[in-house]
Amino acid sequence: MSQTAELTEAPAIGITENAAKRIAKLIAQEGDESLRLRVTISGGGCSGFRYDFDFDNKVNEDDRLFSRDGVGVVIDEVSLEMLGGSEIDFIDDLIGSYFEIRNPNASSSCGCGVSFSI
């Protein structure tokens, strides 16, 4: 595992200001400034694939690191193939608070926004 993953300056993944603020707040609550939000895609969900979110302080050789306002988002190359051009946002409304991915590669998604198909 390498801590020297390439920092992508012109991201193929967008991170909104709301998402960056929420990531920073969650990292502060964890008390570990080395953490980054890891976004992965796995099989499952009602539409075939699902987005998974976790915090991680490791960066693997096949990871790409995106940043905004001092916070990092890590995505492995396989997941990035399905996420390229997406935007990560944080929504806080009457329904609840959650990370949302606007994925132009998804042909459909479920009502909860957690799973999608290509």
N, C-alpha and C. Protein backbone atom coordinates (compact mmCIF):
# COMPACT_ATOMS: atom_id res chain seq x y z
N MET A 1 0.83 -1.18 0.00
CA MET A 1 0.00 0.00 0.00
C MET A 1 0.87 1.24 0.00
N SER A 2 0.56 2.13 -0.88
CA SER A 2 1.37 3.32 -1.05
C SER A 2 0.61 4.55 -0.60
N GLN A 3 1.27 5.46 0.08
CA GLN A 3 0.69 6.72 0.49
C GLN A 3 0.99 7.81 -0.53
N THR A 4 1.53 7.44 -1.68
CA THR A 4 1.93 8.43 -2.68
C THR A 4 1.07 8.37 -3.92
N ALA A 5 -0.22 8.12 -3.76
CA ALA A 5 -1.11 8.08 -4.91
C ALA A 5 -1.11 9.43 -5.60
N GLU A 6 -1.35 9.39 -6.88
CA GLU A 6 -1.35 10.60 -7.68
C GLU A 6 -2.52 11.50 -7.29
N LEU A 7 -2.25 12.75 -7.00
CA LEU A 7 -3.28 13.74 -6.71
C LEU A 7 -3.77 14.29 -8.04
N THR A 8 -5.04 14.12 -8.30
CA THR A 8 -5.59 14.56 -9.56
C THR A 8 -6.07 16.00 -9.42
N GLU A 9 -5.41 16.93 -10.09
CA GLU A 9 -5.75 18.34 -9.98
C GLU A 9 -7.01 18.70 -10.74
N ALA A 10 -7.15 18.22 -11.96
CA ALA A 10 -8.34 18.49 -12.75
C ALA A 10 -9.23 17.26 -12.66
N PRO A 11 -10.06 17.19 -11.62
CA PRO A 11 -10.72 15.93 -11.32
C PRO A 11 -11.73 15.48 -12.35
N ALA A 12 -11.73 14.17 -12.57
CA ALA A 12 -12.78 13.54 -13.35
C ALA A 12 -14.01 13.40 -12.47
N ILE A 13 -13.84 13.65 -11.18
CA ILE A 13 -14.92 13.61 -10.21
C ILE A 13 -15.04 14.99 -9.59
N GLY A 14 -16.24 15.54 -9.59
CA GLY A 14 -16.48 16.83 -8.95
C GLY A 14 -16.90 16.63 -7.51
N ILE A 15 -16.52 17.53 -6.66
CA ILE A 15 -16.90 17.52 -5.25
C ILE A 15 -17.51 18.88 -4.96
N THR A 16 -18.77 18.92 -4.58
CA THR A 16 -19.42 20.20 -4.31
C THR A 16 -18.90 20.78 -3.00
N GLU A 17 -19.15 22.06 -2.83
CA GLU A 17 -18.77 22.74 -1.58
C GLU A 17 -19.47 22.09 -0.39
N ASN A 18 -20.76 21.74 -0.54
CA ASN A 18 -21.48 21.09 0.56
C ASN A 18 -20.86 19.75 0.94
N ALA A 19 -20.46 18.98 -0.07
CA ALA A 19 -19.83 17.68 0.21
C ALA A 19 -18.50 17.88 0.92
N ALA A 20 -17.69 18.83 0.45
CA ALA A 20 -16.39 19.09 1.08
C ALA A 20 -16.56 19.51 2.54
N LYS A 21 -17.54 20.35 2.82
CA LYS A 21 -17.79 20.80 4.20
C LYS A 21 -18.21 19.63 5.08
N ARG A 22 -19.08 18.77 4.55
CA ARG A 22 -19.55 17.63 5.35
C ARG A 22 -18.43 16.62 5.59
N ILE A 23 -17.62 16.37 4.57
CA ILE A 23 -16.48 15.46 4.74
C ILE A 23 -15.54 16.00 5.81
N ALA A 24 -15.25 17.31 5.75
CA ALA A 24 -14.36 17.93 6.74
C ALA A 24 -14.94 17.80 8.14
N LYS A 25 -16.24 18.00 8.28
CA LYS A 25 -16.89 17.89 9.60
C LYS A 25 -16.80 16.46 10.14
N LEU A 26 -17.06 15.48 9.28
CA LEU A 26 -17.00 14.08 9.71
C LEU A 26 -15.58 13.67 10.08
N ILE A 27 -14.60 14.14 9.32
CA ILE A 27 -13.20 13.84 9.65
C ILE A 27 -12.82 14.46 10.98
N ALA A 28 -13.25 15.68 11.22
CA ALA A 28 -12.98 16.34 12.50
C ALA A 28 -13.60 15.56 13.66
N GLN A 29 -14.80 15.05 13.46
CA GLN A 29 -15.45 14.25 14.50
C GLN A 29 -14.69 12.96 14.79
N GLU A 30 -14.08 12.40 13.75
CA GLU A 30 -13.28 11.18 13.93
C GLU A 30 -11.94 11.48 14.60
N GLY A 31 -11.46 12.71 14.49
CA GLY A 31 -10.21 13.10 15.13
C GLY A 31 -8.97 12.58 14.44
N ASP A 32 -9.06 12.28 13.14
CA ASP A 32 -7.92 11.76 12.39
C ASP A 32 -7.84 12.50 11.06
N GLU A 33 -6.99 13.50 10.99
CA GLU A 33 -6.88 14.34 9.80
C GLU A 33 -6.32 13.61 8.58
N SER A 34 -5.84 12.37 8.76
CA SER A 34 -5.33 11.61 7.62
C SER A 34 -6.44 10.89 6.86
N LEU A 35 -7.66 10.94 7.38
CA LEU A 35 -8.78 10.25 6.73
C LEU A 35 -9.21 10.93 5.45
N ARG A 36 -9.68 10.11 4.52
CA ARG A 36 -10.27 10.58 3.26
C ARG A 36 -11.56 9.79 3.05
N LEU A 37 -12.49 10.39 2.33
CA LEU A 37 -13.70 9.66 1.98
C LEU A 37 -13.38 8.70 0.84
N ARG A 38 -13.65 7.42 1.04
CA ARG A 38 -13.44 6.43 0.00
C ARG A 38 -14.81 6.10 -0.60
N VAL A 39 -14.89 6.23 -1.93
CA VAL A 39 -16.11 5.89 -2.66
C VAL A 39 -15.80 4.68 -3.53
N THR A 40 -16.60 3.64 -3.39
CA THR A 40 -16.42 2.45 -4.19
C THR A 40 -17.77 2.04 -4.79
N ILE A 41 -17.69 1.23 -5.81
CA ILE A 41 -18.88 0.66 -6.42
C ILE A 41 -18.81 -0.84 -6.24
N SER A 42 -19.91 -1.41 -5.82
CA SER A 42 -19.96 -2.86 -5.66
C SER A 42 -21.25 -3.38 -6.29
N GLY A 43 -21.26 -4.65 -6.59
CA GLY A 43 -22.45 -5.27 -7.12
C GLY A 43 -23.51 -5.35 -6.06
N GLY A 44 -24.74 -5.15 -6.44
CA GLY A 44 -25.84 -5.25 -5.48
C GLY A 44 -26.80 -4.09 -5.61
N GLY A 45 -27.65 -3.97 -4.64
CA GLY A 45 -28.66 -2.93 -4.71
C GLY A 45 -29.76 -3.33 -5.66
N CYS A 46 -30.82 -2.57 -5.71
CA CYS A 46 -31.97 -2.95 -6.53
C CYS A 46 -31.75 -2.66 -8.00
N SER A 47 -30.69 -1.94 -8.38
CA SER A 47 -30.46 -1.62 -9.79
C SER A 47 -29.21 -2.27 -10.37
N GLY A 48 -28.50 -3.09 -9.61
CA GLY A 48 -27.34 -3.80 -10.15
C GLY A 48 -26.01 -3.42 -9.52
N PHE A 49 -25.77 -2.13 -9.31
CA PHE A 49 -24.56 -1.65 -8.65
C PHE A 49 -24.97 -0.71 -7.53
N ARG A 50 -24.09 -0.56 -6.54
CA ARG A 50 -24.40 0.38 -5.47
C ARG A 50 -23.15 1.17 -5.09
N TYR A 51 -23.38 2.38 -4.61
CA TYR A 51 -22.31 3.25 -4.12
C TYR A 51 -22.07 2.92 -2.66
N ASP A 52 -20.80 2.80 -2.29
CA ASP A 52 -20.42 2.59 -0.90
C ASP A 52 -19.50 3.74 -0.47
N PHE A 53 -19.71 4.23 0.73
CA PHE A 53 -18.92 5.32 1.30
C PHE A 53 -18.31 4.85 2.60
N ASP A 54 -17.04 5.19 2.79
CA ASP A 54 -16.34 4.84 4.02
C ASP A 54 -15.19 5.82 4.19
N PHE A 55 -14.63 5.88 5.38
CA PHE A 55 -13.44 6.69 5.59
C PHE A 55 -12.24 5.78 5.68
N ASP A 56 -11.14 6.22 5.11
CA ASP A 56 -9.93 5.40 5.03
C ASP A 56 -8.72 6.32 5.10
N ASN A 57 -7.68 5.87 5.76
CA ASN A 57 -6.43 6.66 5.77
C ASN A 57 -5.37 6.00 4.91
N LYS A 58 -5.76 4.96 4.17
CA LYS A 58 -4.82 4.30 3.26
C LYS A 58 -5.14 4.70 1.83
N VAL A 59 -4.10 4.80 1.03
CA VAL A 59 -4.24 5.06 -0.40
C VAL A 59 -3.47 3.95 -1.11
N ASN A 60 -4.16 3.17 -1.90
CA ASN A 60 -3.55 2.06 -2.62
C ASN A 60 -2.99 2.52 -3.95
N GLU A 61 -2.15 1.71 -4.55
CA GLU A 61 -1.52 2.08 -5.82
C GLU A 61 -2.52 2.29 -6.95
N ASP A 62 -3.66 1.61 -6.90
CA ASP A 62 -4.65 1.77 -7.96
C ASP A 62 -5.72 2.82 -7.62
N ASP A 63 -5.48 3.62 -6.60
CA ASP A 63 -6.42 4.67 -6.20
C ASP A 63 -6.10 5.98 -6.90
N ARG A 64 -7.12 6.78 -7.09
CA ARG A 64 -6.97 8.16 -7.54
C ARG A 64 -7.53 9.04 -6.44
N LEU A 65 -6.82 10.10 -6.17
CA LEU A 65 -7.17 11.01 -5.08
C LEU A 65 -7.65 12.33 -5.67
N PHE A 66 -8.84 12.74 -5.26
CA PHE A 66 -9.42 14.01 -5.68
C PHE A 66 -9.58 14.87 -4.44
N SER A 67 -9.48 16.18 -4.59
CA SER A 67 -9.60 17.02 -3.41
C SER A 67 -10.35 18.31 -3.70
N ARG A 68 -10.89 18.85 -2.64
CA ARG A 68 -11.52 20.17 -2.67
C ARG A 68 -11.47 20.73 -1.26
N ASP A 69 -11.07 21.96 -1.16
CA ASP A 69 -11.06 22.69 0.12
C ASP A 69 -10.36 21.90 1.23
N GLY A 70 -9.28 21.21 0.87
CA GLY A 70 -8.47 20.53 1.87
C GLY A 70 -8.92 19.14 2.27
N VAL A 71 -9.99 18.63 1.69
CA VAL A 71 -10.42 17.27 1.99
C VAL A 71 -10.21 16.38 0.77
N GLY A 72 -9.98 15.11 1.02
CA GLY A 72 -9.70 14.18 -0.07
C GLY A 72 -10.78 13.14 -0.24
N VAL A 73 -10.96 12.73 -1.49
CA VAL A 73 -11.84 11.64 -1.84
C VAL A 73 -11.00 10.64 -2.63
N VAL A 74 -11.04 9.38 -2.22
CA VAL A 74 -10.25 8.33 -2.85
C VAL A 74 -11.19 7.38 -3.58
N ILE A 75 -10.83 7.09 -4.85
CA ILE A 75 -11.63 6.17 -5.66
C ILE A 75 -10.67 5.25 -6.39
N ASP A 76 -10.93 3.94 -6.31
CA ASP A 76 -10.07 2.99 -7.02
C ASP A 76 -10.36 3.07 -8.52
N GLU A 77 -9.40 2.64 -9.33
CA GLU A 77 -9.52 2.76 -10.79
C GLU A 77 -10.73 2.03 -11.36
N VAL A 78 -11.07 0.86 -10.80
CA VAL A 78 -12.21 0.10 -11.31
C VAL A 78 -13.50 0.88 -11.07
N SER A 79 -13.68 1.40 -9.86
CA SER A 79 -14.87 2.20 -9.56
C SER A 79 -14.89 3.48 -10.38
N LEU A 80 -13.72 4.06 -10.60
CA LEU A 80 -13.63 5.31 -11.35
C LEU A 80 -14.12 5.15 -12.78
N GLU A 81 -13.95 3.94 -13.35
CA GLU A 81 -14.45 3.69 -14.71
C GLU A 81 -15.95 3.93 -14.79
N MET A 82 -16.68 3.63 -13.71
CA MET A 82 -18.14 3.82 -13.71
C MET A 82 -18.54 5.17 -13.14
N LEU A 83 -17.59 5.86 -12.51
CA LEU A 83 -17.89 7.14 -11.86
C LEU A 83 -17.37 8.36 -12.61
N GLY A 84 -16.56 8.16 -13.65
CA GLY A 84 -15.95 9.28 -14.36
C GLY A 84 -16.98 10.32 -14.78
N GLY A 85 -16.70 11.57 -14.47
CA GLY A 85 -17.60 12.67 -14.81
C GLY A 85 -18.68 12.92 -13.78
N SER A 86 -18.70 12.15 -12.70
CA SER A 86 -19.72 12.29 -11.67
C SER A 86 -19.42 13.47 -10.74
N GLU A 87 -20.42 13.84 -9.98
CA GLU A 87 -20.26 14.88 -8.97
C GLU A 87 -20.79 14.34 -7.64
N ILE A 88 -20.00 14.51 -6.60
CA ILE A 88 -20.39 14.09 -5.25
C ILE A 88 -20.94 15.32 -4.53
N ASP A 89 -22.13 15.18 -3.99
CA ASP A 89 -22.77 16.27 -3.27
C ASP A 89 -23.23 15.75 -1.92
N PHE A 90 -23.52 16.67 -1.02
CA PHE A 90 -24.12 16.30 0.26
C PHE A 90 -25.44 17.02 0.36
N ILE A 91 -26.51 16.27 0.58
CA ILE A 91 -27.86 16.80 0.65
C ILE A 91 -28.33 16.76 2.10
N ASP A 92 -28.90 17.86 2.54
CA ASP A 92 -29.47 17.94 3.89
C ASP A 92 -30.84 18.58 3.74
N ASP A 93 -31.89 17.74 3.71
CA ASP A 93 -33.24 18.27 3.53
C ASP A 93 -34.22 17.53 4.44
N LEU A 94 -35.51 17.72 4.22
CA LEU A 94 -36.52 17.11 5.08
C LEU A 94 -36.49 15.59 5.04
N ILE A 95 -36.06 15.01 3.93
CA ILE A 95 -35.99 13.56 3.81
C ILE A 95 -34.85 13.00 4.65
N GLY A 96 -33.76 13.75 4.78
CA GLY A 96 -32.62 13.30 5.55
C GLY A 96 -31.34 13.90 5.03
N SER A 97 -30.24 13.44 5.57
CA SER A 97 -28.91 13.90 5.17
C SER A 97 -28.17 12.74 4.55
N TYR A 98 -27.55 12.98 3.38
CA TYR A 98 -26.88 11.89 2.69
C TYR A 98 -25.96 12.43 1.61
N PHE A 99 -24.95 11.61 1.25
CA PHE A 99 -24.13 11.91 0.10
C PHE A 99 -24.88 11.45 -1.14
N GLU A 100 -24.82 12.25 -2.19
CA GLU A 100 -25.48 11.91 -3.44
C GLU A 100 -24.45 11.97 -4.55
N ILE A 101 -24.50 11.01 -5.44
CA ILE A 101 -23.62 11.02 -6.61
C ILE A 101 -24.47 11.23 -7.85
N ARG A 102 -24.15 12.28 -8.57
CA ARG A 102 -24.80 12.54 -9.86
C ARG A 102 -23.89 11.92 -10.92
N ASN A 103 -24.31 10.76 -11.40
CA ASN A 103 -23.47 9.95 -12.27
C ASN A 103 -24.01 9.97 -13.70
N PRO A 104 -23.30 10.64 -14.63
CA PRO A 104 -23.78 10.68 -16.01
C PRO A 104 -23.67 9.34 -16.73
N ASN A 105 -22.96 8.38 -16.14
CA ASN A 105 -22.80 7.05 -16.73
C ASN A 105 -23.94 6.11 -16.40
N ALA A 106 -24.76 6.46 -15.40
CA ALA A 106 -25.85 5.59 -14.97
C ALA A 106 -27.03 5.74 -15.93
N SER A 107 -27.52 4.62 -16.42
CA SER A 107 -28.70 4.68 -17.30
C SER A 107 -29.99 4.74 -16.49
N SER A 108 -29.95 4.25 -15.26
CA SER A 108 -31.09 4.37 -14.36
C SER A 108 -30.59 4.22 -12.92
N SER A 109 -31.39 4.67 -11.99
CA SER A 109 -31.04 4.51 -10.58
C SER A 109 -32.32 4.25 -9.80
N CYS A 110 -32.14 3.73 -8.60
CA CYS A 110 -33.31 3.43 -7.78
C CYS A 110 -33.81 4.71 -7.11
N GLY A 111 -34.96 4.63 -6.51
CA GLY A 111 -35.55 5.80 -5.88
C GLY A 111 -34.74 6.35 -4.73
N CYS A 112 -33.99 5.51 -4.04
CA CYS A 112 -33.19 5.98 -2.90
C CYS A 112 -31.87 6.58 -3.33
N GLY A 113 -31.48 6.39 -4.60
CA GLY A 113 -30.23 6.97 -5.10
C GLY A 113 -28.97 6.23 -4.71
N VAL A 114 -29.10 5.08 -4.06
CA VAL A 114 -27.93 4.35 -3.61
C VAL A 114 -27.46 3.34 -4.65
N SER A 115 -28.36 2.88 -5.50
CA SER A 115 -27.95 1.92 -6.51
C SER A 115 -28.30 2.42 -7.90
N PHE A 116 -27.62 1.84 -8.90
CA PHE A 116 -27.79 2.30 -10.27
C PHE A 116 -27.46 1.18 -11.24
N SER A 117 -27.78 1.40 -12.50
CA SER A 117 -27.38 0.47 -13.55
C SER A 117 -26.72 1.26 -14.66
N ILE A 118 -25.93 0.55 -15.47
CA ILE A 118 -25.20 1.19 -16.58
C ILE A 118 -25.71 0.61 -17.87
